[in-house]
Protein backbone atom coordinates (compact mmCIF):
# COMPACT_ATOMS: atom_id res chain seq x y z
CA UNK A 1 -3.56 22.14 -25.56
CA UNK A 2 -2.25 18.68 -26.52
CA UNK A 3 -1.31 16.47 -23.63
CA UNK A 4 2.34 15.47 -23.41
CA UNK A 5 2.74 11.73 -23.84
CA UNK A 6 4.55 10.05 -20.94
CA UNK A 7 7.33 7.61 -21.69
CA UNK A 8 6.63 4.06 -20.59
CA UNK A 9 9.40 1.81 -19.32
CA UNK A 10 9.59 -1.97 -19.59
CA UNK A 11 8.97 -3.53 -16.19
CA UNK A 12 11.44 -6.33 -16.93
CA UNK A 13 14.50 -4.68 -18.51
CA UNK A 14 13.82 -1.04 -17.54
CA UNK A 15 14.42 0.36 -21.02
CA UNK A 16 12.10 3.01 -22.50
CA UNK A 17 9.39 1.44 -24.64
CA UNK A 18 9.72 2.61 -28.22
CA UNK A 19 6.53 2.12 -30.20
CA UNK A 20 3.64 0.11 -28.88
CA UNK A 21 3.73 -1.24 -25.31
CA UNK A 22 2.85 -4.90 -24.79
CA UNK A 23 0.87 -6.21 -21.85
CA UNK A 24 1.37 -9.66 -20.37
CA UNK A 25 0.62 -11.54 -17.19
CA UNK A 26 3.90 -12.74 -15.68
CA UNK A 27 3.55 -14.98 -12.60
CA UNK A 28 0.08 -13.57 -11.96
CA UNK A 29 1.14 -9.91 -12.27
CA UNK A 30 0.05 -7.69 -15.14
CA UNK A 31 3.13 -5.99 -16.60
CA UNK A 32 3.95 -3.44 -19.29
CA UNK A 33 6.73 -4.82 -21.51
CA UNK A 34 8.89 -3.83 -24.45
CA UNK A 35 8.58 -5.90 -27.63
CA UNK A 36 11.80 -7.83 -26.95
CA UNK A 37 10.94 -8.94 -23.40
CA UNK A 38 7.33 -9.66 -24.43
CA UNK A 39 8.40 -11.97 -27.27
CA UNK A 40 10.97 -13.81 -25.11
CA UNK A 41 8.58 -14.39 -22.24
CA UNK A 42 5.57 -15.38 -24.38
CA UNK A 43 7.63 -17.80 -26.50
CA UNK A 44 9.07 -19.43 -23.37
CA UNK A 45 5.56 -19.80 -21.92
CA UNK A 46 6.41 -17.76 -18.83
CA UNK A 47 3.97 -14.98 -19.75
CA UNK A 48 0.36 -14.96 -20.88
CA UNK A 49 -0.46 -12.23 -23.42
CA UNK A 50 -3.12 -9.70 -22.51
CA UNK A 51 -4.89 -8.00 -25.39
CA UNK A 52 -5.83 -4.39 -24.57
CA UNK A 53 -7.16 -1.52 -26.56
CA UNK A 54 -7.73 0.89 -23.70
CA UNK A 55 -5.14 2.54 -21.49
CA UNK A 56 -3.94 0.24 -18.73
CA UNK A 57 -5.17 0.77 -15.18
CA UNK A 58 -1.60 1.23 -14.05
CA UNK A 59 0.79 3.21 -16.22
CA UNK A 60 4.45 2.87 -15.34
CA UNK A 61 6.23 6.13 -15.96
CA UNK A 62 9.13 7.85 -14.32
CA UNK A 63 8.02 10.80 -12.19
CA UNK A 64 9.41 14.19 -12.98
CA UNK A 65 12.08 15.31 -10.56
CA UNK A 66 10.00 18.30 -9.52
CA UNK A 67 7.15 15.93 -8.50
CA UNK A 68 9.29 13.65 -6.33
CA UNK A 69 8.66 14.02 -2.62
CA UNK A 70 10.70 11.85 -0.32
CA UNK A 71 9.50 11.03 3.16
CA UNK A 72 11.18 9.94 6.34
CA UNK A 73 9.75 8.45 9.49
CA UNK A 74 9.63 10.66 12.58
CA UNK A 75 12.08 9.86 15.40
CA UNK A 76 9.44 8.98 18.02
CA UNK A 77 7.40 6.73 15.70
CA UNK A 78 7.25 3.88 18.25
CA UNK A 79 5.76 6.09 21.00
CA UNK A 80 3.16 7.55 18.61
CA UNK A 81 2.10 4.11 17.40
CA UNK A 82 1.88 2.57 20.89
CA UNK A 83 -0.06 5.49 22.42
CA UNK A 84 -2.48 5.70 19.46
CA UNK A 85 -3.10 1.95 19.62
CA UNK A 86 -3.73 2.07 23.37
CA UNK A 87 -5.96 5.16 23.04
CA UNK A 88 -8.16 3.22 20.59
CA UNK A 89 -8.28 0.23 22.92
CA UNK A 90 -6.65 -2.13 20.40
CA UNK A 91 -4.39 -5.02 21.33
CA UNK A 92 -1.20 -5.63 19.35
CA UNK A 93 -2.87 -8.69 17.80
CA UNK A 94 -5.91 -6.69 16.63
CA UNK A 95 -3.79 -3.89 15.15
CA UNK A 96 -1.46 -6.39 13.47
CA UNK A 97 -4.47 -8.05 11.83
CA UNK A 98 -5.77 -4.69 10.57
CA UNK A 99 -2.32 -3.85 9.15
CA UNK A 100 -1.86 -7.35 7.68
CA UNK A 101 1.48 -7.86 9.47
CA UNK A 102 2.65 -10.26 12.16
CA UNK A 103 2.17 -9.40 15.80
CA UNK A 104 5.90 -9.87 16.49
CA UNK A 105 6.77 -7.31 13.80
CA UNK A 106 4.35 -4.82 15.36
CA UNK A 107 5.90 -5.42 18.79
CA UNK A 108 9.39 -4.78 17.39
CA UNK A 109 8.17 -1.54 15.79
CA UNK A 110 6.51 -0.40 19.03
CA UNK A 111 9.72 -1.16 20.96
CA UNK A 112 11.78 0.91 18.51
CA UNK A 113 13.85 -2.10 17.45
CA UNK A 114 12.64 -1.89 13.85
CA UNK A 115 11.52 1.01 11.66
CA UNK A 116 8.47 0.40 9.49
CA UNK A 117 8.79 0.78 5.73
CA UNK A 118 7.29 3.90 4.16
CA UNK A 119 4.42 1.78 2.81
CA UNK A 120 3.70 0.27 6.21
CA UNK A 121 3.99 3.69 7.88
CA UNK A 122 1.30 4.99 5.51
CA UNK A 123 -1.00 2.10 6.45
CA UNK A 124 -0.38 2.74 10.16
CA UNK A 125 -1.16 6.44 9.65
CA UNK A 126 -4.44 5.55 7.95
CA UNK A 127 -5.55 2.98 10.55
CA UNK A 128 -4.50 4.88 13.69
CA UNK A 129 -4.84 8.47 12.45
CA UNK A 130 -1.31 9.47 13.53
CA UNK A 131 1.38 11.38 11.65
CA UNK A 132 4.49 9.24 11.06
CA UNK A 133 5.86 10.55 7.76
CA UNK A 134 7.38 13.95 7.14
CA UNK A 135 8.94 15.22 3.88
CA UNK A 136 12.73 15.14 3.88
CA UNK A 137 14.49 18.47 4.18
CA UNK A 138 16.78 18.03 1.18
CA UNK A 139 16.95 15.26 -1.38
CA UNK A 140 20.00 13.03 -0.98
CA UNK A 141 20.84 12.52 -4.66
CA UNK A 142 18.99 13.24 -7.87
CA UNK A 143 17.49 10.25 -9.64
CA UNK A 144 19.67 8.59 -12.22
CA UNK A 145 18.54 9.30 -15.76
CA UNK A 146 17.23 6.28 -17.65
CA UNK A 147 20.67 5.41 -19.02
CA UNK A 148 21.03 1.91 -17.63
CA UNK A 149 22.95 3.04 -14.53
CA UNK A 150 20.31 1.71 -12.16
CA UNK A 151 19.26 -1.87 -11.42
CA UNK A 152 16.20 -3.26 -13.12
CA UNK A 153 14.23 -6.44 -12.56
CA UNK A 154 16.26 -8.01 -15.37
CA UNK A 155 19.51 -7.34 -13.48
CA UNK A 156 18.22 -9.05 -10.35
CA UNK A 157 16.19 -11.98 -11.69
CA UNK A 158 17.78 -15.00 -13.29
CA UNK A 159 15.40 -16.56 -15.81
CA UNK A 160 15.45 -20.33 -15.58
CA UNK A 161 15.62 -22.28 -18.77
CA UNK A 162 13.74 -25.58 -18.67
CA UNK A 163 15.82 -28.29 -20.24
CA UNK A 164 13.06 -30.52 -21.63
């Protein structure tokens, strides 16, 4: 059975890529770009072209709505983190180093003053072996279709023009 081809989206403007995707290194990050953004960035010298024949390591595609699982952090996250850290005999400094965060941020999380991001909660779960994330009961709103009604990197970033 033929495999359905996933639509790629430009990581700069957010539009679906029609035709061949272009790959460029922008500020040290490998990105998948549409022809328009690729040409603008390469001509301005802000992007370095990457020639590829194989599939990229990281394909940017919108997930299907049925595959989307949203998570939330449990209410007693700070107690779970503190007790798991103490049970393993780790200081806040040692755990912060393992998580690659500041010790003050870890203290704020353990005091319940700050909630960790989903990404950080996943790292904490992996390091301490505790359960911090649970799937949400009901999704808040369906994802906006790719119609331009959502912000993209191009909406947020202002590209400087060098006046040489």
